[in-house]
Protein backbone atom coordinates (compact mmCIF):
# COMPACT_ATOMS: atom_id res chain seq x y z
CA MET A 1 -14.06 -53.29 -11.04
CA ARG A 2 -15.55 -49.85 -11.60
CA ALA A 3 -13.88 -46.88 -9.93
CA VAL A 4 -15.99 -44.99 -7.42
CA GLU A 5 -16.46 -41.37 -8.45
CA SER A 6 -15.74 -38.88 -5.69
CA VAL A 7 -18.34 -36.12 -5.59
CA SER A 8 -18.74 -33.43 -2.98
CA LYS A 9 -21.30 -30.73 -2.26
CA LEU A 10 -20.31 -27.28 -3.50
CA ASN A 11 -20.34 -24.34 -1.11
CA THR A 12 -22.65 -21.36 -1.61
CA GLU A 13 -19.89 -19.13 -2.99
CA SER A 14 -18.96 -21.66 -5.67
CA VAL A 15 -22.57 -21.99 -6.81
CA ARG A 16 -23.07 -18.19 -6.83
CA GLY A 17 -19.89 -17.74 -8.85
CA TRP A 18 -21.07 -20.30 -11.39
CA MET A 19 -24.48 -18.65 -11.68
CA ASN A 20 -22.93 -15.26 -12.53
CA GLY A 21 -23.22 -14.88 -16.27
CA ARG A 22 -25.61 -17.82 -16.67
CA LYS A 23 -29.08 -16.83 -17.78
CA GLY A 24 -32.10 -18.30 -16.09
CA TRP A 25 -30.49 -20.62 -13.56
CA LYS A 26 -31.61 -20.08 -9.95
CA ARG A 27 -30.80 -21.70 -6.66
CA ARG A 28 -33.79 -23.09 -4.80
CA SER A 29 -32.72 -24.61 -1.49
CA ASN A 30 -30.19 -27.28 -2.45
CA LYS A 31 -31.09 -27.41 -6.16
CA LEU A 32 -30.35 -25.55 -9.36
CA THR A 33 -33.51 -24.78 -11.31
CA LYS A 34 -34.35 -23.27 -14.66
CA GLU A 35 -37.61 -22.82 -16.52
CA PHE A 36 -37.61 -23.22 -20.29
CA VAL A 37 -40.65 -21.76 -22.10
CA PHE A 38 -41.94 -23.07 -25.45
CA ALA A 39 -44.66 -22.19 -27.93
CA ASN A 40 -46.52 -25.46 -27.39
CA PHE A 41 -46.59 -28.82 -25.63
CA ARG A 42 -44.94 -30.69 -28.52
CA ASP A 43 -41.88 -28.38 -28.36
CA SER A 44 -41.69 -29.00 -24.61
CA ILE A 45 -41.57 -32.75 -25.19
CA VAL A 46 -38.88 -32.42 -27.87
CA PHE A 47 -36.82 -30.49 -25.33
CA VAL A 48 -37.42 -33.13 -22.63
CA ASN A 49 -36.15 -35.81 -25.02
CA ARG A 50 -32.99 -33.81 -25.75
CA VAL A 51 -32.34 -33.37 -22.04
CA ALA A 52 -32.95 -37.09 -21.44
CA THR A 53 -30.32 -37.99 -24.02
CA ILE A 54 -27.78 -35.64 -22.46
CA ALA A 55 -28.55 -36.82 -18.92
CA ASP A 56 -28.37 -40.51 -19.84
CA GLY A 57 -24.96 -39.93 -21.40
CA ARG A 58 -23.71 -38.36 -18.18
CA LYS A 59 -25.52 -40.83 -15.89
CA HIS A 60 -26.92 -37.89 -13.94
CA HIS A 61 -30.62 -37.06 -14.25
CA PRO A 62 -32.56 -33.89 -13.43
CA ASP A 63 -36.09 -33.72 -12.09
CA MET A 64 -38.38 -32.40 -14.83
CA ASP A 65 -41.71 -30.67 -14.38
CA VAL A 66 -43.50 -30.56 -17.74
CA ARG A 67 -46.39 -28.16 -18.28
CA CYS A 68 -48.22 -27.25 -21.47
CA GLY A 69 -45.63 -24.79 -22.75
CA SER A 70 -42.83 -25.00 -20.22
CA VAL A 71 -40.34 -27.37 -18.64
CA THR A 72 -38.69 -26.69 -15.30
CA LEU A 73 -35.49 -28.59 -14.59
CA SER A 74 -34.15 -29.15 -11.08
CA LEU A 75 -30.63 -30.45 -10.62
CA SER A 76 -29.06 -31.78 -7.45
CA THR A 77 -26.87 -34.65 -6.37
CA PRO A 78 -28.72 -36.77 -3.80
CA GLU A 79 -25.62 -38.55 -2.52
CA VAL A 80 -24.14 -35.22 -1.34
CA GLY A 81 -27.42 -33.58 -0.32
CA GLY A 82 -27.10 -30.60 -2.61
CA ILE A 83 -25.41 -29.14 -5.67
CA SER A 84 -22.21 -30.71 -6.96
CA GLU A 85 -19.92 -30.23 -9.93
CA LYS A 86 -21.99 -32.90 -11.70
CA ASP A 87 -24.99 -30.54 -11.62
CA LEU A 88 -23.03 -27.58 -12.97
CA ASP A 89 -21.58 -29.71 -15.77
CA LEU A 90 -25.01 -31.06 -16.70
CA ALA A 91 -26.56 -27.56 -16.67
CA GLU A 92 -23.82 -26.29 -18.99
CA GLN A 93 -24.32 -29.22 -21.36
CA ILE A 94 -28.08 -28.69 -21.42
CA ASP A 95 -27.69 -24.99 -22.23
CA PHE A 96 -25.08 -25.69 -24.91
CA ALA A 97 -26.82 -28.63 -26.57
CA THR A 98 -30.24 -27.04 -26.61
CA SER A 99 -29.00 -23.62 -27.74
CA TRP A 100 -31.10 -21.97 -25.07
CA ASN A 101 -30.09 -18.30 -25.15
CA SER A 102 -32.76 -16.72 -22.98
CA GLY A 103 -34.08 -17.53 -19.58
CA ASN A 104 -36.33 -16.31 -16.82
């Protein structure tokens, strides 16, 4: 039998503290968002595929809005109705694995 993972919604102060020192991540309502800008559509799709691999490995998936030269990620945990530690962990892994050093 699989253990049930306990996840809870983070308070505003915890999310603000996490965002300090993290480039590009913003809080929009109950989601973390970040826009990644690329030179062309193909680079955007390569990025989406990297994020998909990371997300599948963590069994936690962001919403992705793909435009010609940009991808906006939105992370939240539906079962808690907001941002959880799972979202912060996934955001950190995405930044690390994609070597994204600048943000909007």
